Amino acid sequence: MKIQHIFFDLDNTLWDHRRNAYLTLKEIFKREDVSHKYNLGFEEFHTEYFTINERLWEQIRDGEIDKEYLRRHRFHDTFLFFGIDDFDLAQTFEDNFLDEILNYNDLVEGAFEILEYLSEKPYHLHILSNGFKEVTFRKCELSGIKNYFKTITSADEINIRKPKPEIYAYALNKAGAKKEESMMIGDDWIADVEGGKSFGLKVIFFDVFNDNFEADEVTVIKKLIELKNIL
């Protein structure tokens, strides 16, 4: 059957989470005067934070921890790596991060162009994100892409995350979509590609970070604009 419904991941697929988080943390780091207080440079802090945060999000995806654990640990563990045991400072970062990241709404290169292109075709567009419910909708709204989507689904709505089949079933039911008419596009090989494929969707891997993963029946793109050659 012909594809009618396209489900996009949000962070680092359309919304440039890596860049927006970097800019947000740089501002908080400067405001809290961390360099002066602890003789720690922002770039080394950010590099370690990025590693720890990615690992924690993989544990959330795999059901090993919940989001409260992530929010207690990602900044505290980063500071502990540098020998800084300051839980209050870590919580200041956490408390401000989710609010202030919404001050930055850079999109991945080509996002607006490809959404405009697809919206003029006979497709229904949707968001299916593993991100926090409280910010997923606002990211779409504040970045100016909300109106392209028929549905916006956060895994928090049922507390089950990609690649679990239940979140795919929930998102398709919410969208009124059949799996044989649906496609998943995302940058996470396990959550978006393996999860979507095992559920029975056609999948496109957006290899934005040059992971160079490949598999049978998986289309790989390096730039969003390449979707014009496929859809």
C-alpha atoms as a PDB file:
ATOM      1  CA  MET A   1       0.000   0.000   0.000  1.00  0.00           C
ATOM      2  CA  LYS A   2       1.022   3.580  -0.558  1.00  0.00           C
ATOM      3  CA  ILE A   3       2.495   5.604   2.323  1.00  0.00           C
ATOM      4  CA  GLN A   4      -0.050   8.053   3.735  1.00  0.00           C
ATOM      5  CA  HIS A   5       1.286   8.748   7.243  1.00  0.00           C
ATOM      6  CA  ILE A   6       4.826   9.896   8.038  1.00  0.00           C
ATOM      7  CA  PHE A   7       5.980   9.865  11.666  1.00  0.00           C
ATOM      8  CA  PHE A   8       9.001  12.011  12.451  1.00  0.00           C
ATOM      9  CA  ASP A   9      11.151  11.794  15.534  1.00  0.00           C
ATOM     10  CA  LEU A  10      11.681  15.312  16.914  1.00  0.00           C
ATOM     11  CA  ASP A  11      15.019  15.819  18.690  1.00  0.00           C
ATOM     12  CA  ASN A  12      17.968  15.880  16.272  1.00  0.00           C
ATOM     13  CA  THR A  13      15.671  14.819  13.433  1.00  0.00           C
ATOM     14  CA  LEU A  14      13.812  18.121  13.031  1.00  0.00           C
ATOM     15  CA  TRP A  15      14.545  20.138  16.176  1.00  0.00           C
ATOM     16  CA  ASP A  16      18.299  20.636  16.649  1.00  0.00           C
ATOM     17  CA  HIS A  17      18.542  19.424  20.225  1.00  0.00           C
ATOM     18  CA  ARG A  18      22.311  19.091  20.236  1.00  0.00           C
ATOM     19  CA  ARG A  19      22.855  22.733  19.268  1.00  0.00           C
ATOM     20  CA  ASN A  20      20.019  24.135  21.370  1.00  0.00           C
ATOM     21  CA  ALA A  21      21.205  22.247  24.469  1.00  0.00           C
ATOM     22  CA  TYR A  22      24.775  23.448  23.921  1.00  0.00           C
ATOM     23  CA  LEU A  23      23.694  27.095  23.767  1.00  0.00           C
ATOM     24  CA  THR A  24      21.415  26.727  26.809  1.00  0.00           C
ATOM     25  CA  LEU A  25      24.064  25.078  28.970  1.00  0.00           C
ATOM     26  CA  LYS A  26      26.669  27.627  27.966  1.00  0.00           C
ATOM     27  CA  GLU A  27      24.382  30.404  29.226  1.00  0.00           C
ATOM     28  CA  ILE A  28      23.622  28.664  32.556  1.00  0.00           C
ATOM     29  CA  PHE A  29      27.294  27.768  33.044  1.00  0.00           C
ATOM     30  CA  LYS A  30      28.285  31.404  32.570  1.00  0.00           C
ATOM     31  CA  ARG A  31      25.522  32.723  34.838  1.00  0.00           C
ATOM     32  CA  GLU A  32      26.444  30.325  37.655  1.00  0.00           C
ATOM     33  CA  ASP A  33      30.118  31.358  37.308  1.00  0.00           C
ATOM     34  CA  VAL A  34      31.229  27.714  37.292  1.00  0.00           C
ATOM     35  CA  SER A  35      34.582  28.439  35.654  1.00  0.00           C
ATOM     36  CA  HIS A  36      35.543  30.846  38.416  1.00  0.00           C
ATOM     37  CA  LYS A  37      34.125  28.797  41.305  1.00  0.00           C
ATOM     38  CA  TYR A  38      35.553  25.444  40.266  1.00  0.00           C
ATOM     39  CA  ASN A  39      38.242  26.148  37.673  1.00  0.00           C
ATOM     40  CA  LEU A  40      36.334  24.151  35.066  1.00  0.00           C
ATOM     41  CA  GLY A  41      36.040  25.060  31.403  1.00  0.00           C
ATOM     42  CA  PHE A  42      32.691  24.889  29.625  1.00  0.00           C
ATOM     43  CA  GLU A  43      33.855  22.760  26.692  1.00  0.00           C
ATOM     44  CA  GLU A  44      35.197  19.974  28.899  1.00  0.00           C
ATOM     45  CA  PHE A  45      32.068  20.164  31.063  1.00  0.00           C
ATOM     46  CA  HIS A  46      29.839  19.962  27.993  1.00  0.00           C
ATOM     47  CA  THR A  47      31.749  17.038  26.477  1.00  0.00           C
ATOM     48  CA  GLU A  48      31.326  14.972  29.653  1.00  0.00           C
ATOM     49  CA  TYR A  49      27.705  16.050  30.124  1.00  0.00           C
ATOM     50  CA  PHE A  50      26.900  15.003  26.571  1.00  0.00           C
ATOM     51  CA  THR A  51      28.400  11.524  27.139  1.00  0.00           C
ATOM     52  CA  ILE A  52      26.550  11.010  30.431  1.00  0.00           C
ATOM     53  CA  ASN A  53      23.241  12.366  29.131  1.00  0.00           C
ATOM     54  CA  GLU A  54      23.333  10.155  26.021  1.00  0.00           C
ATOM     55  CA  ARG A  55      23.984   7.082  28.166  1.00  0.00           C
ATOM     56  CA  LEU A  56      21.119   7.948  30.544  1.00  0.00           C
ATOM     57  CA  TRP A  57      18.705   8.483  27.633  1.00  0.00           C
ATOM     58  CA  GLU A  58      19.685   5.038  26.298  1.00  0.00           C
ATOM     59  CA  GLN A  59      18.839   3.601  29.736  1.00  0.00           C
ATOM     60  CA  ILE A  60      15.454   5.387  29.677  1.00  0.00           C
ATOM     61  CA  ARG A  61      14.805   4.038  26.179  1.00  0.00           C
ATOM     62  CA  ASP A  62      15.686   0.521  27.365  1.00  0.00           C
ATOM     63  CA  GLY A  63      13.458   0.798  30.452  1.00  0.00           C
ATOM     64  CA  GLU A  64      16.329   0.631  32.966  1.00  0.00           C
ATOM     65  CA  ILE A  65      15.658   4.017  34.601  1.00  0.00           C
ATOM     66  CA  ASP A  66      12.848   6.591  34.647  1.00  0.00           C
ATOM     67  CA  LYS A  67      13.004  10.266  33.748  1.00  0.00           C
ATOM     68  CA  GLU A  68      13.156  11.312  37.427  1.00  0.00           C
ATOM     69  CA  TYR A  69      16.390   9.336  37.770  1.00  0.00           C
ATOM     70  CA  LEU A  70      17.800  11.040  34.681  1.00  0.00           C
ATOM     71  CA  ARG A  71      16.863  14.474  35.985  1.00  0.00           C
ATOM     72  CA  ARG A  72      18.522  13.800  39.358  1.00  0.00           C
ATOM     73  CA  HIS A  73      21.707  12.416  37.882  1.00  0.00           C
ATOM     74  CA  ARG A  74      22.704  13.923  34.552  1.00  0.00           C
ATOM     75  CA  PHE A  75      24.196  17.152  35.900  1.00  0.00           C
ATOM     76  CA  HIS A  76      25.201  15.818  39.310  1.00  0.00           C
ATOM     77  CA  ASP A  77      27.100  12.917  37.728  1.00  0.00           C
ATOM     78  CA  THR A  78      28.774  15.315  35.299  1.00  0.00           C
ATOM     79  CA  PHE A  79      30.040  17.531  38.106  1.00  0.00           C
ATOM     80  CA  LEU A  80      31.088  14.452  40.137  1.00  0.00           C
ATOM     81  CA  PHE A  81      33.243  13.374  37.192  1.00  0.00           C
ATOM     82  CA  PHE A  82      35.279  16.530  37.793  1.00  0.00           C
ATOM     83  CA  GLY A  83      35.349  15.990  41.566  1.00  0.00           C
ATOM     84  CA  ILE A  84      32.648  18.596  42.215  1.00  0.00           C
ATOM     85  CA  ASP A  85      30.054  17.304  44.692  1.00  0.00           C
ATOM     86  CA  ASP A  86      27.568  20.177  44.585  1.00  0.00           C
ATOM     87  CA  PHE A  87      24.034  18.792  44.338  1.00  0.00           C
ATOM     88  CA  ASP A  88      22.436  22.232  44.654  1.00  0.00           C
ATOM     89  CA  LEU A  89      24.386  23.503  41.655  1.00  0.00           C
ATOM     90  CA  ALA A  90      23.428  20.395  39.672  1.00  0.00           C
ATOM     91  CA  GLN A  91      19.756  20.959  40.506  1.00  0.00           C
ATOM     92  CA  THR A  92      20.010  24.597  39.510  1.00  0.00           C
ATOM     93  CA  PHE A  93      21.181  23.405  36.082  1.00  0.00           C
ATOM     94  CA  GLU A  94      18.380  20.841  35.882  1.00  0.00           C
ATOM     95  CA  ASP A  95      15.655  23.216  37.042  1.00  0.00           C
ATOM     96  CA  ASN A  96      16.649  25.857  34.494  1.00  0.00           C
ATOM     97  CA  PHE A  97      17.593  23.627  31.574  1.00  0.00           C
ATOM     98  CA  LEU A  98      14.162  22.459  30.398  1.00  0.00           C
ATOM     99  CA  ASP A  99      12.683  25.951  30.597  1.00  0.00           C
ATOM    100  CA  GLU A 100      15.582  27.797  29.046  1.00  0.00           C
ATOM    101  CA  ILE A 101      16.254  25.360  26.193  1.00  0.00           C
ATOM    102  CA  LEU A 102      12.966  26.611  24.755  1.00  0.00           C
ATOM    103  CA  ASN A 103      14.647  30.000  24.281  1.00  0.00           C
ATOM    104  CA  TYR A 104      16.662  28.333  21.527  1.00  0.00           C
ATOM    105  CA  ASN A 105      14.729  26.770  18.680  1.00  0.00           C
ATOM    106  CA  ASP A 106      17.176  26.094  15.881  1.00  0.00           C
ATOM    107  CA  LEU A 107      15.961  23.417  13.503  1.00  0.00           C
ATOM    108  CA  VAL A 108      18.052  20.818  11.726  1.00  0.00           C
ATOM    109  CA  GLU A 109      19.211  21.988   8.312  1.00  0.00           C
ATOM    110  CA  GLY A 110      16.452  21.567   5.719  1.00  0.00           C
ATOM    111  CA  ALA A 111      13.650  20.928   8.240  1.00  0.00           C
ATOM    112  CA  PHE A 112      11.357  23.766   7.168  1.00  0.00           C
ATOM    113  CA  GLU A 113      11.957  23.086   3.495  1.00  0.00           C
ATOM    114  CA  ILE A 114      11.175  19.374   3.705  1.00  0.00           C
ATOM    115  CA  LEU A 115       8.085  19.890   5.891  1.00  0.00           C
ATOM    116  CA  GLU A 116       6.769  22.456   3.437  1.00  0.00           C
ATOM    117  CA  TYR A 117       7.474  20.065   0.547  1.00  0.00           C
ATOM    118  CA  LEU A 118       5.759  17.102   2.257  1.00  0.00           C
ATOM    119  CA  SER A 119       2.786  19.175   3.394  1.00  0.00           C
ATOM    120  CA  GLU A 120       1.979  19.911  -0.243  1.00  0.00           C
ATOM    121  CA  LYS A 121       1.866  16.174  -0.970  1.00  0.00           C
ATOM    122  CA  PRO A 122      -0.961  13.829   0.050  1.00  0.00           C
ATOM    123  CA  TYR A 123       0.728  12.850   3.333  1.00  0.00           C
ATOM    124  CA  HIS A 124      -0.387  13.223   6.944  1.00  0.00           C
ATOM    125  CA  LEU A 125       2.612  14.257   9.064  1.00  0.00           C
ATOM    126  CA  HIS A 126       3.065  13.322  12.725  1.00  0.00           C
ATOM    127  CA  ILE A 127       5.602  13.633  15.553  1.00  0.00           C
ATOM    128  CA  LEU A 128       6.528  10.617  17.680  1.00  0.00           C
ATOM    129  CA  SER A 129       9.108  11.592  20.294  1.00  0.00           C
ATOM    130  CA  ASN A 130      10.746   9.888  23.274  1.00  0.00           C
ATOM    131  CA  GLY A 131      11.268  13.338  24.801  1.00  0.00           C
ATOM    132  CA  PHE A 132       9.514  14.780  27.825  1.00  0.00           C
ATOM    133  CA  LYS A 133       5.838  15.537  27.278  1.00  0.00           C
ATOM    134  CA  GLU A 134       6.119  18.957  28.939  1.00  0.00           C
ATOM    135  CA  VAL A 135       8.512  20.251  26.293  1.00  0.00           C
ATOM    136  CA  THR A 136       7.740  18.228  23.138  1.00  0.00           C
ATOM    137  CA  PHE A 137       4.659  20.231  22.139  1.00  0.00           C
ATOM    138  CA  ARG A 138       6.280  23.552  23.037  1.00  0.00           C
ATOM    139  CA  LYS A 139       9.358  22.766  20.940  1.00  0.00           C
ATOM    140  CA  CYS A 140       7.095  22.275  17.943  1.00  0.00           C
ATOM    141  CA  GLU A 141       5.108  25.396  18.755  1.00  0.00           C
ATOM    142  CA  LEU A 142       8.014  27.751  19.476  1.00  0.00           C
ATOM    143  CA  SER A 143      10.088  26.606  16.500  1.00  0.00           C
ATOM    144  CA  GLY A 144       7.156  27.254  14.149  1.00  0.00           C
ATOM    145  CA  ILE A 145       6.584  23.690  12.920  1.00  0.00           C
ATOM    146  CA  LYS A 146       3.509  22.669  14.978  1.00  0.00           C
ATOM    147  CA  ASN A 147       0.989  23.346  12.233  1.00  0.00           C
ATOM    148  CA  TYR A 148       2.618  20.868   9.855  1.00  0.00           C
ATOM    149  CA  PHE A 149       1.559  17.950  12.072  1.00  0.00           C
ATOM    150  CA  LYS A 150      -1.761  16.214  12.447  1.00  0.00           C
ATOM    151  CA  THR A 151      -0.680  14.634  15.761  1.00  0.00           C
ATOM    152  CA  ILE A 152       2.185  15.224  18.193  1.00  0.00           C
ATOM    153  CA  THR A 153       2.856  12.244  20.446  1.00  0.00           C
ATOM    154  CA  SER A 154       5.290  12.039  23.358  1.00  0.00           C
ATOM    155  CA  ALA A 155       6.136   8.647  24.801  1.00  0.00           C
ATOM    156  CA  ASP A 156       5.482  10.174  28.227  1.00  0.00           C
ATOM    157  CA  GLU A 157       1.762  10.025  27.443  1.00  0.00           C
ATOM    158  CA  ILE A 158       1.765   6.295  28.202  1.00  0.00           C
ATOM    159  CA  ASN A 159       5.237   6.107  29.821  1.00  0.00           C
ATOM    160  CA  ILE A 160       6.427   3.619  27.195  1.00  0.00           C
ATOM    161  CA  ARG A 161       9.199   4.633  24.830  1.00  0.00           C
ATOM    162  CA  LYS A 162      10.398   3.685  21.378  1.00  0.00           C
ATOM    163  CA  PRO A 163      11.438   1.012  20.404  1.00  0.00           C
ATOM    164  CA  LYS A 164       8.631  -0.698  22.365  1.00  0.00           C
ATOM    165  CA  PRO A 165       5.741  -1.690  20.066  1.00  0.00           C
ATOM    166  CA  GLU A 166       3.125  -0.257  22.446  1.00  0.00           C
ATOM    167  CA  ILE A 167       4.179   3.344  21.796  1.00  0.00           C
ATOM    168  CA  TYR A 168       4.036   2.786  18.043  1.00  0.00           C
ATOM    169  CA  ALA A 169       0.571   1.240  18.374  1.00  0.00           C
ATOM    170  CA  TYR A 170      -0.543   4.162  20.537  1.00  0.00           C
ATOM    171  CA  ALA A 171       0.790   6.789  18.082  1.00  0.00           C
ATOM    172  CA  LEU A 172      -0.782   5.092  15.054  1.00  0.00           C
ATOM    173  CA  ASN A 173      -4.115   4.724  16.831  1.00  0.00           C
ATOM    174  CA  LYS A 174      -4.036   8.411  17.820  1.00  0.00           C
ATOM    175  CA  ALA A 175      -3.282   9.295  14.181  1.00  0.00           C
ATOM    176  CA  GLY A 176      -5.915   6.962  12.733  1.00  0.00           C
ATOM    177  CA  ALA A 177      -3.151   5.311  10.703  1.00  0.00           C
ATOM    178  CA  LYS A 178      -2.585   1.742   9.548  1.00  0.00           C
ATOM    179  CA  LYS A 179       0.940   0.406   9.876  1.00  0.00           C
ATOM    180  CA  GLU A 180       1.119  -0.683   6.224  1.00  0.00           C
ATOM    181  CA  GLU A 181       0.421   2.939   5.230  1.00  0.00           C
ATOM    182  CA  SER A 182       2.930   4.427   7.665  1.00  0.00           C
ATOM    183  CA  MET A 183       6.615   5.350   7.802  1.00  0.00           C
ATOM    184  CA  MET A 184       9.000   6.310  10.632  1.00  0.00           C
ATOM    185  CA  ILE A 185      11.874   8.754  10.084  1.00  0.00           C
ATOM    186  CA  GLY A 186      14.431   9.320  12.835  1.00  0.00           C
ATOM    187  CA  ASP A 187      18.039   9.588  13.932  1.00  0.00           C
ATOM    188  CA  ASP A 188      18.077   6.863  16.628  1.00  0.00           C
ATOM    189  CA  TRP A 189      18.956   3.493  15.136  1.00  0.00           C
ATOM    190  CA  ILE A 190      17.415   1.449  17.956  1.00  0.00           C
ATOM    191  CA  ALA A 191      14.387   3.565  18.859  1.00  0.00           C
ATOM    192  CA  ASP A 192      13.343   4.782  15.413  1.00  0.00           C
ATOM    193  CA  VAL A 193      14.738   2.288  12.925  1.00  0.00           C
ATOM    194  CA  GLU A 194      14.774  -1.073  14.714  1.00  0.00           C
ATOM    195  CA  GLY A 195      11.646  -0.165  16.686  1.00  0.00           C
ATOM    196  CA  GLY A 196       9.711   1.073  13.692  1.00  0.00           C
ATOM    197  CA  LYS A 197      10.804  -1.783  11.460  1.00  0.00           C
ATOM    198  CA  SER A 198       9.988  -4.506  13.970  1.00  0.00           C
ATOM    199  CA  PHE A 199       6.542  -2.944  14.451  1.00  0.00           C
ATOM    200  CA  GLY A 200       5.955  -3.230  10.712  1.00  0.00           C
ATOM    201  CA  LEU A 201       6.576   0.292   9.466  1.00  0.00           C
ATOM    202  CA  LYS A 202       8.701   1.383   6.564  1.00  0.00           C
ATOM    203  CA  VAL A 203      11.677   3.235   8.044  1.00  0.00           C
ATOM    204  CA  ILE A 204      14.186   5.883   7.032  1.00  0.00           C
ATOM    205  CA  PHE A 205      17.349   6.370   9.094  1.00  0.00           C
ATOM    206  CA  PHE A 206      18.447   9.990   9.251  1.00  0.00           C
ATOM    207  CA  ASP A 207      22.173   9.488   9.835  1.00  0.00           C
ATOM    208  CA  VAL A 208      22.733  13.028  11.082  1.00  0.00           C
ATOM    209  CA  PHE A 209      25.744  12.051  13.226  1.00  0.00           C
ATOM    210  CA  ASN A 210      27.418   9.783  10.655  1.00  0.00           C
ATOM    211  CA  ASP A 211      26.959   6.527  12.551  1.00  0.00           C
ATOM    212  CA  ASN A 212      26.999   4.714   9.192  1.00  0.00           C
ATOM    213  CA  PHE A 213      24.583   1.965  10.274  1.00  0.00           C
ATOM    214  CA  GLU A 214      22.942  -0.094   7.557  1.00  0.00           C
ATOM    215  CA  ALA A 215      20.352  -2.886   7.350  1.00  0.00           C
ATOM    216  CA  ASP A 216      18.108  -4.563   4.806  1.00  0.00           C
ATOM    217  CA  GLU A 217      14.990  -2.574   3.919  1.00  0.00           C
ATOM    218  CA  VAL A 218      16.312   0.542   5.671  1.00  0.00           C
ATOM    219  CA  THR A 219      16.756   3.681   3.584  1.00  0.00           C
ATOM    220  CA  VAL A 220      19.538   5.940   4.879  1.00  0.00           C
ATOM    221  CA  ILE A 221      19.766   9.704   4.364  1.00  0.00           C
ATOM    222  CA  LYS A 222      22.430  12.157   5.528  1.00  0.00           C
ATOM    223  CA  LYS A 223      20.412  15.328   4.858  1.00  0.00           C
ATOM    224  CA  LEU A 224      16.676  15.904   5.289  1.00  0.00           C
ATOM    225  CA  ILE A 225      16.451  17.366   1.813  1.00  0.00           C
ATOM    226  CA  GLU A 226      17.221  13.899   0.395  1.00  0.00           C
ATOM    227  CA  LEU A 227      13.626  12.976   1.305  1.00  0.00           C
ATOM    228  CA  LYS A 228      12.566  14.844  -1.837  1.00  0.00           C
ATOM    229  CA  ASN A 229      14.097  11.997  -3.861  1.00  0.00           C
ATOM    230  CA  ILE A 230      12.195   9.371  -1.888  1.00  0.00           C
ATOM    231  CA  LEU A 231       8.773  10.800  -1.055  1.00  0.00           C
END
